[in-house]
């Protein structure tokens, strides 16, 4: 048996249901994304303030990161940890 084609009311009901489904999924996702963006900005500002305060109190020299030693330690620059340890 063939089904009769959907009526305009049935099409509208399906359309309205899909709009509601989109809103139910989309609005919480948008709220979560904006909250994550807000928290990321707060963390970014906290690190900026921390760096400015460290420079102001003299705990951090006003030198570029490479000259401070970076992750490899003092005097290694951008050579890397292994190359720096081998040179010592």
C-alpha atoms as a PDB file:
ATOM      1  CA  UNK A   1       0.000   0.000   0.000  1.00  0.00           C
ATOM      2  CA  UNK A   2       1.246   3.441  -0.860  1.00  0.00           C
ATOM      3  CA  UNK A   3       1.192   6.217   1.641  1.00  0.00           C
ATOM      4  CA  UNK A   4      -0.546   9.391   0.615  1.00  0.00           C
ATOM      5  CA  UNK A   5       1.716  12.436   0.197  1.00  0.00           C
ATOM      6  CA  UNK A   6       2.118  14.564   3.346  1.00  0.00           C
ATOM      7  CA  UNK A   7      -0.235  17.472   3.791  1.00  0.00           C
ATOM      8  CA  UNK A   8       0.884  21.031   4.426  1.00  0.00           C
ATOM      9  CA  UNK A   9       0.034  20.676   8.113  1.00  0.00           C
ATOM     10  CA  UNK A  10       2.198  17.568   8.407  1.00  0.00           C
ATOM     11  CA  UNK A  11       5.075  19.340   6.650  1.00  0.00           C
ATOM     12  CA  UNK A  12       4.708  22.333   8.968  1.00  0.00           C
ATOM     13  CA  UNK A  13       4.669  20.074  12.040  1.00  0.00           C
ATOM     14  CA  UNK A  14       7.862  18.402  10.870  1.00  0.00           C
ATOM     15  CA  UNK A  15       9.440  21.805  10.181  1.00  0.00           C
ATOM     16  CA  UNK A  16       8.438  23.156  13.603  1.00  0.00           C
ATOM     17  CA  UNK A  17       9.797  20.020  15.290  1.00  0.00           C
ATOM     18  CA  UNK A  18      13.130  20.406  13.500  1.00  0.00           C
ATOM     19  CA  UNK A  19      13.361  24.087  14.537  1.00  0.00           C
ATOM     20  CA  UNK A  20      12.689  23.183  18.173  1.00  0.00           C
ATOM     21  CA  UNK A  21      15.271  20.380  18.025  1.00  0.00           C
ATOM     22  CA  UNK A  22      17.827  22.797  16.586  1.00  0.00           C
ATOM     23  CA  UNK A  23      17.109  25.313  19.362  1.00  0.00           C
ATOM     24  CA  UNK A  24      17.320  22.641  22.078  1.00  0.00           C
ATOM     25  CA  UNK A  25      20.752  21.575  20.822  1.00  0.00           C
ATOM     26  CA  UNK A  26      22.083  24.913  19.566  1.00  0.00           C
ATOM     27  CA  UNK A  27      21.369  27.215  22.504  1.00  0.00           C
ATOM     28  CA  UNK A  28      23.183  25.134  25.170  1.00  0.00           C
ATOM     29  CA  UNK A  29      26.097  24.606  22.775  1.00  0.00           C
ATOM     30  CA  UNK A  30      26.351  28.356  22.203  1.00  0.00           C
ATOM     31  CA  UNK A  31      26.246  29.004  25.947  1.00  0.00           C
ATOM     32  CA  UNK A  32      29.003  26.462  26.612  1.00  0.00           C
ATOM     33  CA  UNK A  33      31.166  27.889  23.829  1.00  0.00           C
ATOM     34  CA  UNK A  34      30.784  31.448  25.074  1.00  0.00           C
ATOM     35  CA  UNK A  35      31.555  30.322  28.629  1.00  0.00           C
ATOM     36  CA  UNK A  36      34.712  28.574  27.465  1.00  0.00           C
ATOM     37  CA  UNK A  37      35.763  31.674  25.532  1.00  0.00           C
ATOM     38  CA  UNK A  38      35.165  33.822  28.629  1.00  0.00           C
ATOM     39  CA  UNK A  39      37.250  31.519  30.832  1.00  0.00           C
ATOM     40  CA  UNK A  40      40.033  31.420  28.245  1.00  0.00           C
ATOM     41  CA  UNK A  41      40.120  35.229  28.189  1.00  0.00           C
ATOM     42  CA  UNK A  42      40.231  35.337  32.008  1.00  0.00           C
ATOM     43  CA  UNK A  43      43.190  32.927  32.065  1.00  0.00           C
ATOM     44  CA  UNK A  44      44.949  34.963  29.384  1.00  0.00           C
ATOM     45  CA  UNK A  45      44.493  38.168  31.379  1.00  0.00           C
ATOM     46  CA  UNK A  46      45.675  36.488  34.582  1.00  0.00           C
ATOM     47  CA  UNK A  47      48.931  35.412  32.917  1.00  0.00           C
ATOM     48  CA  UNK A  48      49.431  38.888  31.460  1.00  0.00           C
ATOM     49  CA  UNK A  49      48.938  40.500  34.872  1.00  0.00           C
ATOM     50  CA  UNK A  50      51.262  37.944  36.444  1.00  0.00           C
ATOM     51  CA  UNK A  51      53.992  38.772  33.927  1.00  0.00           C
ATOM     52  CA  UNK A  52      53.613  42.513  34.429  1.00  0.00           C
ATOM     53  CA  UNK A  53      53.752  42.159  38.214  1.00  0.00           C
ATOM     54  CA  UNK A  54      56.808  39.909  38.013  1.00  0.00           C
ATOM     55  CA  UNK A  55      58.607  42.456  35.856  1.00  0.00           C
ATOM     56  CA  UNK A  56      57.571  45.317  38.129  1.00  0.00           C
ATOM     57  CA  UNK A  57      58.906  43.585  41.247  1.00  0.00           C
ATOM     58  CA  UNK A  58      62.144  42.566  39.528  1.00  0.00           C
ATOM     59  CA  UNK A  59      61.535  38.811  39.714  1.00  0.00           C
ATOM     60  CA  UNK A  60      61.657  38.604  35.941  1.00  0.00           C
ATOM     61  CA  UNK A  61      64.360  40.316  33.959  1.00  0.00           C
ATOM     62  CA  UNK A  62      63.218  42.456  31.062  1.00  0.00           C
ATOM     63  CA  UNK A  63      64.956  40.194  28.522  1.00  0.00           C
ATOM     64  CA  UNK A  64      63.448  38.265  25.653  1.00  0.00           C
ATOM     65  CA  UNK A  65      62.355  34.709  26.433  1.00  0.00           C
ATOM     66  CA  UNK A  66      65.203  33.186  24.400  1.00  0.00           C
ATOM     67  CA  UNK A  67      67.804  35.017  26.502  1.00  0.00           C
ATOM     68  CA  UNK A  68      66.210  33.872  29.757  1.00  0.00           C
ATOM     69  CA  UNK A  69      66.919  30.278  28.862  1.00  0.00           C
ATOM     70  CA  UNK A  70      63.460  29.090  27.930  1.00  0.00           C
ATOM     71  CA  UNK A  71      62.709  25.468  28.749  1.00  0.00           C
ATOM     72  CA  UNK A  72      66.238  24.224  28.163  1.00  0.00           C
ATOM     73  CA  UNK A  73      67.782  26.196  30.995  1.00  0.00           C
ATOM     74  CA  UNK A  74      69.957  29.295  31.256  1.00  0.00           C
ATOM     75  CA  UNK A  75      72.215  30.013  28.323  1.00  0.00           C
ATOM     76  CA  UNK A  76      70.773  27.369  26.007  1.00  0.00           C
ATOM     77  CA  UNK A  77      68.561  29.610  23.928  1.00  0.00           C
ATOM     78  CA  UNK A  78      66.614  27.744  21.282  1.00  0.00           C
ATOM     79  CA  UNK A  79      69.078  24.846  20.785  1.00  0.00           C
ATOM     80  CA  UNK A  80      66.982  22.440  22.791  1.00  0.00           C
ATOM     81  CA  UNK A  81      67.476  20.467  25.985  1.00  0.00           C
ATOM     82  CA  UNK A  82      69.570  17.626  24.522  1.00  0.00           C
ATOM     83  CA  UNK A  83      71.973  19.899  22.669  1.00  0.00           C
ATOM     84  CA  UNK A  84      72.371  22.132  25.692  1.00  0.00           C
ATOM     85  CA  UNK A  85      73.101  19.236  28.053  1.00  0.00           C
ATOM     86  CA  UNK A  86      75.601  17.778  25.604  1.00  0.00           C
ATOM     87  CA  UNK A  87      77.447  21.110  25.456  1.00  0.00           C
ATOM     88  CA  UNK A  88      77.787  21.354  29.245  1.00  0.00           C
END
